[in-house]
Amino acid sequence: MARKKTAAASAASLELPAVLDLKAAAPLAEQLLAMRGSPITVSAAQVERIGAQCAQVLLSAAATWKSDKASFAITGASDGFESGLRLMGLSTERLMEQEIAQ
């Protein structure tokens, strides 16, 4: 997973790995936590497989960024990413629109 900071938009960028399984969940959470407070764009273009733990990390991140009033976007969602989310009753759009429980 590569982390880049774009000068133009000053938004952090994170490229997700091909396999988002249980082993990828903790490192993904750590990377996202390190980027907290900045607008972020997450590229899901390379994802072949996503498991429930990483989906949960991304759901939590989307809710956190929304709570912080910062931009959180997932771009280039691959077929593997979308189909994995669908198996869990989710979609990229729904993931990014998570409501914060008050």
N, C-alpha and C. Protein backbone atom coordinates (compact mmCIF):
# COMPACT_ATOMS: atom_id res chain seq x y z
N MET A 1 0.84 -1.17 0.00
CA MET A 1 0.00 0.00 0.00
C MET A 1 0.88 1.24 0.00
N ALA A 2 0.67 2.08 -0.96
CA ALA A 2 1.48 3.28 -1.06
C ALA A 2 0.70 4.47 -0.54
N ARG A 3 1.40 5.33 0.14
CA ARG A 3 0.78 6.54 0.66
C ARG A 3 1.45 7.71 -0.03
N LYS A 4 0.64 8.58 -0.63
CA LYS A 4 1.16 9.74 -1.32
C LYS A 4 0.40 10.96 -0.86
N LYS A 5 1.06 12.09 -0.89
CA LYS A 5 0.41 13.34 -0.58
C LYS A 5 0.48 14.19 -1.84
N THR A 6 -0.68 14.59 -2.36
CA THR A 6 -0.69 15.40 -3.56
C THR A 6 -0.64 16.85 -3.18
N ALA A 7 0.24 17.59 -3.79
CA ALA A 7 0.42 18.99 -3.46
C ALA A 7 -0.77 19.83 -3.89
N ALA A 8 -1.34 19.51 -5.05
CA ALA A 8 -2.42 20.33 -5.60
C ALA A 8 -3.62 20.37 -4.67
N ALA A 9 -4.11 19.25 -4.26
CA ALA A 9 -5.31 19.22 -3.44
C ALA A 9 -4.98 19.05 -1.97
N SER A 10 -3.74 18.83 -1.65
CA SER A 10 -3.27 18.53 -0.30
C SER A 10 -4.11 17.43 0.36
N ALA A 11 -4.52 16.48 -0.45
CA ALA A 11 -5.27 15.33 0.05
C ALA A 11 -4.36 14.12 0.07
N ALA A 12 -4.49 13.33 1.11
CA ALA A 12 -3.71 12.11 1.20
C ALA A 12 -4.27 11.09 0.22
N SER A 13 -3.43 10.20 -0.24
CA SER A 13 -3.84 9.17 -1.19
C SER A 13 -3.35 7.82 -0.68
N LEU A 14 -4.22 6.83 -0.76
CA LEU A 14 -3.88 5.49 -0.30
C LEU A 14 -4.31 4.49 -1.36
N GLU A 15 -3.38 3.66 -1.81
CA GLU A 15 -3.70 2.61 -2.77
C GLU A 15 -3.85 1.30 -2.02
N LEU A 16 -5.02 0.70 -2.14
CA LEU A 16 -5.29 -0.57 -1.46
C LEU A 16 -4.60 -1.72 -2.18
N PRO A 17 -4.16 -2.74 -1.43
CA PRO A 17 -3.51 -3.90 -2.05
C PRO A 17 -4.53 -4.81 -2.73
N ALA A 18 -4.05 -5.78 -3.47
CA ALA A 18 -4.91 -6.72 -4.18
C ALA A 18 -5.75 -7.56 -3.23
N VAL A 19 -5.18 -7.95 -2.12
CA VAL A 19 -5.89 -8.82 -1.17
C VAL A 19 -6.09 -8.08 0.15
N LEU A 20 -7.35 -7.85 0.47
CA LEU A 20 -7.71 -7.20 1.74
C LEU A 20 -8.34 -8.26 2.64
N ASP A 21 -7.49 -9.07 3.25
CA ASP A 21 -7.94 -10.15 4.12
C ASP A 21 -7.68 -9.80 5.58
N LEU A 22 -7.82 -10.76 6.44
CA LEU A 22 -7.62 -10.54 7.88
C LEU A 22 -6.24 -9.96 8.17
N LYS A 23 -5.20 -10.47 7.49
CA LYS A 23 -3.83 -9.98 7.73
C LYS A 23 -3.66 -8.52 7.31
N ALA A 24 -4.47 -8.05 6.38
CA ALA A 24 -4.35 -6.67 5.89
C ALA A 24 -5.11 -5.67 6.74
N ALA A 25 -6.01 -6.14 7.60
CA ALA A 25 -6.89 -5.24 8.35
C ALA A 25 -6.14 -4.32 9.31
N ALA A 26 -5.25 -4.86 10.14
CA ALA A 26 -4.53 -4.03 11.11
C ALA A 26 -3.61 -3.02 10.43
N PRO A 27 -2.81 -3.43 9.43
CA PRO A 27 -1.98 -2.44 8.74
C PRO A 27 -2.82 -1.35 8.05
N LEU A 28 -3.95 -1.75 7.47
CA LEU A 28 -4.83 -0.77 6.82
C LEU A 28 -5.36 0.24 7.85
N ALA A 29 -5.79 -0.25 9.00
CA ALA A 29 -6.29 0.64 10.06
C ALA A 29 -5.20 1.60 10.51
N GLU A 30 -3.97 1.10 10.66
CA GLU A 30 -2.86 1.95 11.09
C GLU A 30 -2.55 3.03 10.05
N GLN A 31 -2.56 2.65 8.77
CA GLN A 31 -2.29 3.63 7.72
C GLN A 31 -3.36 4.72 7.70
N LEU A 32 -4.60 4.30 7.80
CA LEU A 32 -5.69 5.28 7.80
C LEU A 32 -5.61 6.19 9.01
N LEU A 33 -5.33 5.63 10.16
CA LEU A 33 -5.22 6.44 11.37
C LEU A 33 -4.12 7.48 11.23
N ALA A 34 -3.02 7.12 10.59
CA ALA A 34 -1.92 8.06 10.39
C ALA A 34 -2.32 9.22 9.47
N MET A 35 -3.34 9.01 8.65
CA MET A 35 -3.79 10.03 7.70
C MET A 35 -4.99 10.84 8.22
N ARG A 36 -5.45 10.52 9.40
CA ARG A 36 -6.63 11.17 9.94
C ARG A 36 -6.43 12.68 10.01
N GLY A 37 -7.49 13.41 9.69
CA GLY A 37 -7.45 14.85 9.75
C GLY A 37 -7.24 15.50 8.39
N SER A 38 -6.83 14.70 7.40
CA SER A 38 -6.62 15.20 6.04
C SER A 38 -7.68 14.60 5.13
N PRO A 39 -8.06 15.35 4.10
CA PRO A 39 -8.91 14.72 3.08
C PRO A 39 -8.15 13.52 2.52
N ILE A 40 -8.86 12.48 2.14
CA ILE A 40 -8.19 11.28 1.65
C ILE A 40 -8.92 10.69 0.45
N THR A 41 -8.13 10.18 -0.47
CA THR A 41 -8.65 9.44 -1.61
C THR A 41 -8.06 8.04 -1.53
N VAL A 42 -8.92 7.05 -1.51
CA VAL A 42 -8.51 5.66 -1.41
C VAL A 42 -8.77 5.00 -2.77
N SER A 43 -7.71 4.48 -3.38
CA SER A 43 -7.85 3.80 -4.66
C SER A 43 -8.08 2.31 -4.41
N ALA A 44 -9.19 1.81 -4.95
CA ALA A 44 -9.52 0.39 -4.83
C ALA A 44 -9.34 -0.32 -6.17
N ALA A 45 -8.57 0.27 -7.07
CA ALA A 45 -8.42 -0.25 -8.43
C ALA A 45 -7.72 -1.60 -8.49
N GLN A 46 -6.82 -1.88 -7.55
CA GLN A 46 -6.05 -3.13 -7.58
C GLN A 46 -6.66 -4.25 -6.75
N VAL A 47 -7.75 -3.98 -6.06
CA VAL A 47 -8.33 -4.97 -5.14
C VAL A 47 -8.96 -6.12 -5.91
N GLU A 48 -8.51 -7.32 -5.58
CA GLU A 48 -9.08 -8.54 -6.16
C GLU A 48 -10.05 -9.20 -5.18
N ARG A 49 -9.78 -9.02 -3.88
CA ARG A 49 -10.57 -9.67 -2.83
C ARG A 49 -10.63 -8.77 -1.61
N ILE A 50 -11.82 -8.65 -1.02
CA ILE A 50 -11.96 -7.90 0.24
C ILE A 50 -12.75 -8.75 1.22
N GLY A 51 -12.23 -8.82 2.44
CA GLY A 51 -12.89 -9.56 3.51
C GLY A 51 -13.64 -8.61 4.43
N ALA A 52 -14.40 -9.20 5.31
CA ALA A 52 -15.26 -8.42 6.22
C ALA A 52 -14.45 -7.50 7.13
N GLN A 53 -13.28 -7.95 7.58
CA GLN A 53 -12.50 -7.12 8.51
C GLN A 53 -12.03 -5.84 7.84
N CYS A 54 -11.56 -5.93 6.61
CA CYS A 54 -11.11 -4.72 5.90
C CYS A 54 -12.29 -3.85 5.50
N ALA A 55 -13.42 -4.46 5.17
CA ALA A 55 -14.62 -3.67 4.89
C ALA A 55 -15.01 -2.90 6.14
N GLN A 56 -14.91 -3.53 7.29
CA GLN A 56 -15.23 -2.86 8.55
C GLN A 56 -14.27 -1.70 8.81
N VAL A 57 -12.98 -1.89 8.52
CA VAL A 57 -12.00 -0.81 8.69
C VAL A 57 -12.37 0.37 7.79
N LEU A 58 -12.74 0.08 6.54
CA LEU A 58 -13.11 1.16 5.61
C LEU A 58 -14.41 1.84 6.03
N LEU A 59 -15.36 1.06 6.54
CA LEU A 59 -16.60 1.66 7.06
C LEU A 59 -16.31 2.60 8.23
N SER A 60 -15.46 2.14 9.13
CA SER A 60 -15.08 2.96 10.28
C SER A 60 -14.35 4.22 9.83
N ALA A 61 -13.46 4.08 8.86
CA ALA A 61 -12.73 5.25 8.35
C ALA A 61 -13.68 6.25 7.72
N ALA A 62 -14.62 5.76 6.92
CA ALA A 62 -15.59 6.66 6.29
C ALA A 62 -16.39 7.42 7.34
N ALA A 63 -16.81 6.72 8.38
CA ALA A 63 -17.56 7.37 9.46
C ALA A 63 -16.69 8.36 10.22
N THR A 64 -15.44 8.02 10.44
CA THR A 64 -14.52 8.91 11.16
C THR A 64 -14.27 10.19 10.36
N TRP A 65 -14.00 10.03 9.06
CA TRP A 65 -13.75 11.21 8.23
C TRP A 65 -15.00 12.08 8.17
N LYS A 66 -16.17 11.45 8.10
CA LYS A 66 -17.42 12.22 8.08
C LYS A 66 -17.58 12.98 9.39
N SER A 67 -17.31 12.33 10.50
CA SER A 67 -17.39 12.97 11.81
C SER A 67 -16.41 14.13 11.92
N ASP A 68 -15.23 13.96 11.31
CA ASP A 68 -14.21 15.01 11.33
C ASP A 68 -14.47 16.10 10.28
N LYS A 69 -15.54 15.91 9.49
CA LYS A 69 -15.89 16.84 8.41
C LYS A 69 -14.75 16.98 7.39
N ALA A 70 -14.14 15.85 7.08
CA ALA A 70 -13.07 15.79 6.09
C ALA A 70 -13.52 14.89 4.94
N SER A 71 -13.00 15.14 3.77
CA SER A 71 -13.36 14.38 2.58
C SER A 71 -12.76 12.98 2.62
N PHE A 72 -13.59 11.98 2.30
CA PHE A 72 -13.17 10.59 2.21
C PHE A 72 -13.77 10.02 0.94
N ALA A 73 -12.94 9.63 0.00
CA ALA A 73 -13.44 9.11 -1.27
C ALA A 73 -12.74 7.81 -1.63
N ILE A 74 -13.51 6.90 -2.20
CA ILE A 74 -12.96 5.67 -2.74
C ILE A 74 -13.10 5.76 -4.24
N THR A 75 -11.98 5.60 -4.94
CA THR A 75 -12.00 5.75 -6.40
C THR A 75 -11.55 4.47 -7.09
N GLY A 76 -11.93 4.35 -8.34
CA GLY A 76 -11.46 3.25 -9.17
C GLY A 76 -11.79 1.87 -8.65
N ALA A 77 -12.93 1.71 -8.02
CA ALA A 77 -13.27 0.42 -7.43
C ALA A 77 -13.27 -0.69 -8.48
N SER A 78 -12.45 -1.70 -8.25
CA SER A 78 -12.34 -2.84 -9.16
C SER A 78 -13.58 -3.72 -9.05
N ASP A 79 -13.73 -4.63 -9.99
CA ASP A 79 -14.84 -5.58 -9.93
C ASP A 79 -14.74 -6.44 -8.67
N GLY A 80 -13.52 -6.84 -8.31
CA GLY A 80 -13.33 -7.64 -7.10
C GLY A 80 -13.74 -6.91 -5.84
N PHE A 81 -13.43 -5.61 -5.78
CA PHE A 81 -13.81 -4.78 -4.63
C PHE A 81 -15.33 -4.69 -4.55
N GLU A 82 -15.94 -4.33 -5.69
CA GLU A 82 -17.41 -4.17 -5.72
C GLU A 82 -18.14 -5.47 -5.41
N SER A 83 -17.68 -6.58 -6.02
CA SER A 83 -18.38 -7.85 -5.78
C SER A 83 -18.20 -8.32 -4.35
N GLY A 84 -17.02 -8.09 -3.77
CA GLY A 84 -16.80 -8.44 -2.37
C GLY A 84 -17.71 -7.66 -1.44
N LEU A 85 -17.86 -6.37 -1.71
CA LEU A 85 -18.77 -5.55 -0.90
C LEU A 85 -20.21 -6.02 -1.06
N ARG A 86 -20.61 -6.33 -2.31
CA ARG A 86 -21.98 -6.79 -2.56
C ARG A 86 -22.30 -8.06 -1.76
N LEU A 87 -21.32 -8.96 -1.64
CA LEU A 87 -21.54 -10.19 -0.86
C LEU A 87 -21.85 -9.88 0.60
N MET A 88 -21.39 -8.71 1.06
CA MET A 88 -21.64 -8.29 2.46
C MET A 88 -22.82 -7.32 2.56
N GLY A 89 -23.53 -7.13 1.45
CA GLY A 89 -24.68 -6.23 1.46
C GLY A 89 -24.28 -4.76 1.40
N LEU A 90 -23.09 -4.48 0.89
CA LEU A 90 -22.58 -3.10 0.81
C LEU A 90 -22.29 -2.72 -0.63
N SER A 91 -21.97 -1.45 -0.81
CA SER A 91 -21.49 -0.94 -2.09
C SER A 91 -20.52 0.18 -1.78
N THR A 92 -19.75 0.58 -2.75
CA THR A 92 -18.81 1.69 -2.54
C THR A 92 -19.56 2.95 -2.12
N GLU A 93 -20.67 3.23 -2.78
CA GLU A 93 -21.45 4.43 -2.45
C GLU A 93 -21.99 4.36 -1.02
N ARG A 94 -22.52 3.22 -0.65
CA ARG A 94 -23.07 3.07 0.70
C ARG A 94 -21.97 3.17 1.76
N LEU A 95 -20.81 2.62 1.45
CA LEU A 95 -19.69 2.67 2.36
C LEU A 95 -19.32 4.13 2.66
N MET A 96 -19.29 4.97 1.63
CA MET A 96 -18.90 6.37 1.81
C MET A 96 -19.99 7.22 2.43
N GLU A 97 -21.22 6.72 2.44
CA GLU A 97 -22.34 7.51 2.97
C GLU A 97 -22.75 7.09 4.36
N GLN A 98 -21.90 6.43 5.09
CA GLN A 98 -22.25 5.93 6.42
C GLN A 98 -22.63 7.08 7.35
N GLU A 99 -23.72 6.91 8.02
CA GLU A 99 -24.18 7.89 9.00
C GLU A 99 -23.50 7.64 10.33
N ILE A 100 -23.22 8.70 11.02
CA ILE A 100 -22.63 8.62 12.34
C ILE A 100 -23.76 8.48 13.38
N ALA A 101 -23.68 7.45 14.22
CA ALA A 101 -24.66 7.29 15.29
C ALA A 101 -24.45 8.41 16.31
N GLN A 102 -25.51 9.10 16.63
CA GLN A 102 -25.43 10.22 17.57
C GLN A 102 -25.87 9.77 18.95
